């Protein structure tokens, strides 16, 4: 059977595992808006409706996520472009994305874990 030291060690391992999972889930979302990259490039504000965003993605036109002054391309955890998910939130004034940010050859990227309107 287990002695007290083994039970204590097991308890510590479980506590650290729970803390690690909680910290990962408690990550604060990056807040911003879903925008049309094409509209931003030609000098517009980039704001599109959900219907317009869906059509843009179907035609291969990119949607991006703007937070503050940064523009992010958003990808799913499996490495696929998250345009369809972004299109679902194009109507929202404020969107939150939980995930990891990184810069790839000068381009800001979010590897998205979760997205929701705020």
N, C-alpha and C. Protein backbone atom coordinates (compact mmCIF):
# COMPACT_ATOMS: atom_id res chain seq x y z
N UNK A 1 0.83 -1.18 0.00
CA UNK A 1 0.00 0.00 0.00
C UNK A 1 0.88 1.25 0.00
N UNK A 2 0.21 2.36 -0.04
CA UNK A 2 0.93 3.63 -0.06
C UNK A 2 1.34 4.06 1.34
N UNK A 3 2.52 4.59 1.44
CA UNK A 3 2.90 5.18 2.72
C UNK A 3 2.58 6.68 2.66
N UNK A 4 2.76 7.37 3.74
CA UNK A 4 2.39 8.79 3.82
C UNK A 4 3.16 9.65 2.82
N UNK A 5 4.42 9.34 2.62
CA UNK A 5 5.23 10.11 1.69
C UNK A 5 4.71 9.95 0.26
N UNK A 6 4.32 8.75 -0.12
CA UNK A 6 3.77 8.52 -1.46
C UNK A 6 2.47 9.26 -1.66
N UNK A 7 1.61 9.24 -0.67
CA UNK A 7 0.33 9.95 -0.76
C UNK A 7 0.57 11.45 -0.86
N UNK A 8 1.52 11.97 -0.09
CA UNK A 8 1.84 13.39 -0.13
C UNK A 8 2.37 13.77 -1.52
N UNK A 9 3.28 12.97 -2.06
CA UNK A 9 3.85 13.24 -3.38
C UNK A 9 2.76 13.20 -4.46
N UNK A 10 1.88 12.23 -4.38
CA UNK A 10 0.79 12.13 -5.34
C UNK A 10 -0.13 13.35 -5.24
N UNK A 11 -0.41 13.79 -4.04
CA UNK A 11 -1.24 14.97 -3.82
C UNK A 11 -0.60 16.20 -4.45
N UNK A 12 0.71 16.36 -4.29
CA UNK A 12 1.41 17.50 -4.90
C UNK A 12 1.34 17.46 -6.41
N UNK A 13 1.54 16.29 -6.99
CA UNK A 13 1.49 16.15 -8.45
C UNK A 13 0.10 16.53 -8.97
N UNK A 14 -0.94 16.05 -8.32
CA UNK A 14 -2.31 16.36 -8.72
C UNK A 14 -2.58 17.86 -8.57
N UNK A 15 -2.12 18.46 -7.49
CA UNK A 15 -2.32 19.90 -7.26
C UNK A 15 -1.64 20.72 -8.35
N UNK A 16 -0.40 20.36 -8.72
CA UNK A 16 0.30 21.08 -9.78
C UNK A 16 -0.40 20.90 -11.12
N UNK A 17 -0.89 19.71 -11.39
CA UNK A 17 -1.59 19.45 -12.65
C UNK A 17 -2.87 20.29 -12.74
N UNK A 18 -3.61 20.34 -11.65
CA UNK A 18 -4.85 21.13 -11.63
C UNK A 18 -4.53 22.60 -11.82
N UNK A 19 -3.50 23.09 -11.15
CA UNK A 19 -3.10 24.49 -11.28
C UNK A 19 -2.69 24.81 -12.71
N UNK A 20 -1.94 23.93 -13.35
CA UNK A 20 -1.50 24.13 -14.73
C UNK A 20 -2.70 24.22 -15.67
N UNK A 21 -3.65 23.30 -15.54
CA UNK A 21 -4.85 23.30 -16.39
C UNK A 21 -5.67 24.55 -16.13
N UNK A 22 -5.83 24.93 -14.87
CA UNK A 22 -6.61 26.13 -14.54
C UNK A 22 -5.96 27.37 -15.14
N UNK A 23 -4.63 27.49 -15.01
CA UNK A 23 -3.94 28.66 -15.57
C UNK A 23 -4.12 28.74 -17.07
N UNK A 24 -4.07 27.61 -17.76
CA UNK A 24 -4.24 27.59 -19.21
C UNK A 24 -5.65 28.04 -19.58
N UNK A 25 -6.65 27.62 -18.82
CA UNK A 25 -8.03 27.98 -19.12
C UNK A 25 -8.35 29.40 -18.69
N UNK A 26 -7.63 29.93 -17.70
CA UNK A 26 -7.91 31.25 -17.17
C UNK A 26 -7.21 32.36 -17.94
N UNK A 27 -6.54 32.02 -19.02
CA UNK A 27 -5.84 33.00 -19.83
C UNK A 27 -6.83 34.08 -20.29
N UNK A 28 -6.44 35.33 -20.17
CA UNK A 28 -7.31 36.42 -20.57
C UNK A 28 -7.35 36.53 -22.09
N UNK A 29 -8.53 36.79 -22.64
CA UNK A 29 -8.62 36.88 -24.11
C UNK A 29 -8.03 38.19 -24.64
N UNK A 30 -7.55 38.12 -25.86
CA UNK A 30 -7.14 39.31 -26.59
C UNK A 30 -8.44 39.89 -27.15
N UNK A 31 -8.69 41.17 -26.91
CA UNK A 31 -9.94 41.77 -27.34
C UNK A 31 -9.74 42.60 -28.60
N UNK A 32 -10.71 42.52 -29.50
CA UNK A 32 -10.63 43.29 -30.73
C UNK A 32 -11.84 43.08 -31.62
N UNK A 33 -11.62 43.27 -32.92
CA UNK A 33 -12.69 43.16 -33.91
C UNK A 33 -12.24 42.31 -35.09
N UNK A 34 -13.21 41.67 -35.71
CA UNK A 34 -12.98 40.92 -36.94
C UNK A 34 -13.18 41.90 -38.10
N UNK A 35 -12.18 41.96 -39.00
CA UNK A 35 -12.24 42.91 -40.11
C UNK A 35 -11.83 42.26 -41.42
N UNK A 36 -12.22 42.90 -42.52
CA UNK A 36 -11.81 42.49 -43.86
C UNK A 36 -10.44 43.10 -44.15
N UNK A 37 -9.46 42.26 -44.44
CA UNK A 37 -8.13 42.77 -44.77
C UNK A 37 -8.17 43.59 -46.06
N UNK A 38 -8.92 43.12 -47.05
CA UNK A 38 -8.99 43.83 -48.33
C UNK A 38 -9.51 45.25 -48.13
N UNK A 39 -10.54 45.43 -47.32
CA UNK A 39 -11.10 46.75 -47.08
C UNK A 39 -10.11 47.64 -46.34
N UNK A 40 -9.38 47.07 -45.40
CA UNK A 40 -8.36 47.85 -44.68
C UNK A 40 -7.26 48.33 -45.63
N UNK A 41 -6.84 47.45 -46.54
CA UNK A 41 -5.74 47.78 -47.46
C UNK A 41 -6.12 48.93 -48.39
N UNK A 42 -7.38 48.98 -48.81
CA UNK A 42 -7.78 50.06 -49.74
C UNK A 42 -8.23 51.32 -49.01
N UNK A 43 -8.01 51.37 -47.70
CA UNK A 43 -8.29 52.59 -46.95
C UNK A 43 -9.60 52.62 -46.19
N UNK A 44 -10.35 51.52 -46.23
CA UNK A 44 -11.61 51.48 -45.50
C UNK A 44 -11.39 51.13 -44.03
N UNK A 45 -12.50 50.99 -43.32
CA UNK A 45 -12.42 50.64 -41.89
C UNK A 45 -12.36 49.14 -41.66
N UNK A 46 -12.70 48.36 -42.68
CA UNK A 46 -12.61 46.91 -42.57
C UNK A 46 -13.83 46.23 -42.01
N UNK A 47 -14.76 46.97 -41.45
CA UNK A 47 -15.93 46.37 -40.80
C UNK A 47 -16.87 45.79 -41.86
N UNK A 48 -17.26 44.53 -41.65
CA UNK A 48 -18.19 43.85 -42.55
C UNK A 48 -19.21 43.10 -41.70
N UNK A 49 -20.36 42.81 -42.29
CA UNK A 49 -21.37 42.03 -41.59
C UNK A 49 -20.98 40.55 -41.61
N UNK A 50 -21.69 39.77 -40.85
CA UNK A 50 -21.44 38.33 -40.82
C UNK A 50 -21.65 37.73 -42.21
N UNK A 51 -22.70 38.16 -42.89
CA UNK A 51 -23.00 37.65 -44.22
C UNK A 51 -21.90 38.01 -45.22
N UNK A 52 -21.46 39.28 -45.17
CA UNK A 52 -20.37 39.71 -46.05
C UNK A 52 -19.08 38.95 -45.74
N UNK A 53 -18.80 38.78 -44.46
CA UNK A 53 -17.59 38.07 -44.05
C UNK A 53 -17.60 36.63 -44.54
N UNK A 54 -18.76 35.99 -44.43
CA UNK A 54 -18.88 34.60 -44.89
C UNK A 54 -18.61 34.51 -46.39
N UNK A 55 -19.16 35.44 -47.16
CA UNK A 55 -18.93 35.46 -48.61
C UNK A 55 -17.47 35.72 -48.94
N UNK A 56 -16.84 36.63 -48.19
CA UNK A 56 -15.42 36.92 -48.42
C UNK A 56 -14.56 35.67 -48.22
N UNK A 57 -14.82 34.96 -47.13
CA UNK A 57 -14.05 33.75 -46.82
C UNK A 57 -14.27 32.68 -47.89
N UNK A 58 -15.52 32.54 -48.35
CA UNK A 58 -15.82 31.56 -49.39
C UNK A 58 -15.06 31.86 -50.68
N UNK A 59 -14.83 33.16 -50.95
CA UNK A 59 -14.10 33.58 -52.16
C UNK A 59 -12.58 33.57 -51.95
N UNK A 60 -12.14 33.26 -50.72
CA UNK A 60 -10.71 33.22 -50.44
C UNK A 60 -10.11 34.53 -49.97
N UNK A 61 -10.97 35.51 -49.66
CA UNK A 61 -10.47 36.79 -49.15
C UNK A 61 -10.29 36.71 -47.64
N UNK A 62 -9.17 37.19 -47.13
CA UNK A 62 -8.88 37.01 -45.71
C UNK A 62 -9.61 37.96 -44.78
N UNK A 63 -9.99 37.40 -43.64
CA UNK A 63 -10.45 38.19 -42.50
C UNK A 63 -9.30 38.22 -41.51
N UNK A 64 -9.19 39.31 -40.79
CA UNK A 64 -8.14 39.46 -39.79
C UNK A 64 -8.77 39.91 -38.48
N UNK A 65 -7.96 39.92 -37.45
CA UNK A 65 -8.39 40.33 -36.12
C UNK A 65 -7.55 41.53 -35.72
N UNK A 66 -8.22 42.65 -35.40
CA UNK A 66 -7.50 43.85 -34.99
C UNK A 66 -7.69 44.07 -33.50
N UNK A 67 -6.57 44.17 -32.80
CA UNK A 67 -6.58 44.46 -31.37
C UNK A 67 -5.64 45.63 -31.14
N UNK A 68 -6.21 46.74 -30.70
CA UNK A 68 -5.39 47.95 -30.58
C UNK A 68 -4.94 48.37 -31.97
N UNK A 69 -3.64 48.52 -32.15
CA UNK A 69 -3.11 48.89 -33.45
C UNK A 69 -2.54 47.70 -34.21
N UNK A 70 -2.62 46.50 -33.62
CA UNK A 70 -2.07 45.30 -34.25
C UNK A 70 -3.12 44.57 -35.06
N UNK A 71 -2.69 44.05 -36.20
CA UNK A 71 -3.52 43.22 -37.06
C UNK A 71 -2.96 41.80 -36.97
N UNK A 72 -3.84 40.85 -36.66
CA UNK A 72 -3.42 39.45 -36.53
C UNK A 72 -4.12 38.59 -37.58
N UNK A 73 -3.37 37.64 -38.14
CA UNK A 73 -3.97 36.55 -38.88
C UNK A 73 -4.25 35.47 -37.84
N UNK A 74 -5.41 34.84 -37.92
CA UNK A 74 -5.82 33.88 -36.89
C UNK A 74 -5.89 32.48 -37.49
N UNK A 75 -5.27 31.54 -36.78
CA UNK A 75 -5.24 30.14 -37.19
C UNK A 75 -5.77 29.26 -36.08
N UNK A 76 -6.36 28.14 -36.47
CA UNK A 76 -6.81 27.13 -35.51
C UNK A 76 -5.60 26.37 -34.99
N UNK A 77 -5.80 25.63 -33.92
CA UNK A 77 -4.70 24.86 -33.32
C UNK A 77 -4.14 23.80 -34.27
N UNK A 78 -4.96 23.35 -35.22
CA UNK A 78 -4.48 22.34 -36.17
C UNK A 78 -3.69 22.95 -37.34
N UNK A 79 -3.52 24.27 -37.32
CA UNK A 79 -2.75 24.96 -38.35
C UNK A 79 -3.57 25.50 -39.50
N UNK A 80 -4.87 25.23 -39.51
CA UNK A 80 -5.72 25.73 -40.59
C UNK A 80 -6.15 27.18 -40.30
N UNK A 81 -6.39 27.93 -41.38
CA UNK A 81 -6.82 29.31 -41.27
C UNK A 81 -8.21 29.35 -40.62
N UNK A 82 -8.43 30.29 -39.69
CA UNK A 82 -9.69 30.35 -38.91
C UNK A 82 -10.70 31.33 -39.50
N UNK A 83 -10.67 31.53 -40.80
CA UNK A 83 -11.57 32.49 -41.44
C UNK A 83 -13.04 32.23 -41.21
N UNK A 84 -13.47 30.96 -41.29
CA UNK A 84 -14.89 30.65 -41.09
C UNK A 84 -15.34 30.98 -39.67
N UNK A 85 -14.49 30.68 -38.70
CA UNK A 85 -14.83 31.01 -37.31
C UNK A 85 -14.86 32.52 -37.10
N UNK A 86 -13.91 33.23 -37.69
CA UNK A 86 -13.91 34.68 -37.58
C UNK A 86 -15.17 35.28 -38.19
N UNK A 87 -15.59 34.75 -39.33
CA UNK A 87 -16.79 35.27 -40.02
C UNK A 87 -18.01 35.21 -39.12
N UNK A 88 -18.10 34.19 -38.28
CA UNK A 88 -19.25 34.07 -37.37
C UNK A 88 -19.33 35.20 -36.35
N UNK A 89 -18.22 35.91 -36.15
CA UNK A 89 -18.19 36.98 -35.15
C UNK A 89 -18.00 38.37 -35.76
N UNK A 90 -18.19 38.48 -37.07
CA UNK A 90 -17.99 39.76 -37.75
C UNK A 90 -18.98 40.83 -37.29
N UNK A 91 -20.17 40.44 -36.86
CA UNK A 91 -21.17 41.42 -36.40
C UNK A 91 -20.87 41.96 -35.00
N UNK A 92 -20.08 41.27 -34.22
CA UNK A 92 -19.81 41.66 -32.84
C UNK A 92 -18.90 42.89 -32.79
N UNK A 93 -19.24 43.82 -31.93
CA UNK A 93 -18.40 45.01 -31.74
C UNK A 93 -17.10 44.67 -31.03
N UNK A 94 -17.15 43.70 -30.12
CA UNK A 94 -15.96 43.30 -29.39
C UNK A 94 -15.90 41.78 -29.34
N UNK A 95 -14.76 41.24 -29.75
CA UNK A 95 -14.54 39.80 -29.79
C UNK A 95 -13.33 39.50 -28.92
N UNK A 96 -13.38 38.36 -28.23
CA UNK A 96 -12.23 37.92 -27.44
C UNK A 96 -11.69 36.62 -28.00
N UNK A 97 -10.38 36.55 -28.15
CA UNK A 97 -9.73 35.33 -28.62
C UNK A 97 -8.71 34.90 -27.57
N UNK A 98 -8.80 33.64 -27.18
CA UNK A 98 -7.80 33.04 -26.29
C UNK A 98 -6.90 32.19 -27.16
N UNK A 99 -5.62 32.35 -26.99
CA UNK A 99 -4.67 31.57 -27.77
C UNK A 99 -3.26 32.10 -27.59
N UNK A 100 -2.38 31.58 -28.39
CA UNK A 100 -0.97 31.98 -28.33
C UNK A 100 -0.67 32.93 -29.48
N UNK A 101 0.05 33.98 -29.17
CA UNK A 101 0.47 34.91 -30.22
C UNK A 101 1.93 34.65 -30.56
N UNK A 102 2.24 34.88 -31.83
CA UNK A 102 3.62 34.79 -32.25
C UNK A 102 3.79 35.60 -33.52
N UNK A 103 5.04 35.84 -33.86
CA UNK A 103 5.36 36.60 -35.07
C UNK A 103 6.10 35.65 -36.01
N UNK A 104 5.60 35.53 -37.23
CA UNK A 104 6.21 34.66 -38.23
C UNK A 104 6.61 35.53 -39.42
N UNK A 105 7.90 35.67 -39.63
CA UNK A 105 8.45 36.49 -40.70
C UNK A 105 7.80 37.88 -40.74
N UNK A 106 7.66 38.48 -39.56
CA UNK A 106 7.13 39.82 -39.44
C UNK A 106 5.61 39.92 -39.39
N UNK A 107 4.90 38.80 -39.48
CA UNK A 107 3.44 38.81 -39.48
C UNK A 107 2.95 38.33 -38.11
N UNK A 108 2.03 39.11 -37.52
CA UNK A 108 1.46 38.74 -36.22
C UNK A 108 0.40 37.67 -36.41
N UNK A 109 0.52 36.60 -35.61
CA UNK A 109 -0.35 35.43 -35.71
C UNK A 109 -0.94 35.13 -34.34
N UNK A 110 -2.18 34.68 -34.33
CA UNK A 110 -2.78 34.09 -33.12
C UNK A 110 -3.13 32.66 -33.45
N UNK A 111 -2.64 31.74 -32.63
CA UNK A 111 -3.06 30.36 -32.72
C UNK A 111 -4.22 30.24 -31.72
N UNK A 112 -5.44 30.20 -32.24
CA UNK A 112 -6.65 30.33 -31.44
C UNK A 112 -7.06 29.03 -30.75
N UNK A 113 -7.37 29.18 -29.47
CA UNK A 113 -7.94 28.08 -28.70
C UNK A 113 -9.45 28.28 -28.57
N UNK A 114 -9.86 29.55 -28.40
CA UNK A 114 -11.25 29.87 -28.14
C UNK A 114 -11.56 31.26 -28.68
N UNK A 115 -12.77 31.44 -29.21
CA UNK A 115 -13.22 32.74 -29.67
C UNK A 115 -14.66 32.94 -29.21
N UNK A 116 -14.99 34.17 -28.81
CA UNK A 116 -16.37 34.46 -28.40
C UNK A 116 -16.60 35.97 -28.44
N UNK A 117 -17.85 36.36 -28.62
CA UNK A 117 -18.23 37.77 -28.55
C UNK A 117 -18.19 38.19 -27.09
N UNK A 118 -17.84 39.44 -26.87
CA UNK A 118 -17.75 39.95 -25.50
C UNK A 118 -18.76 41.05 -25.25
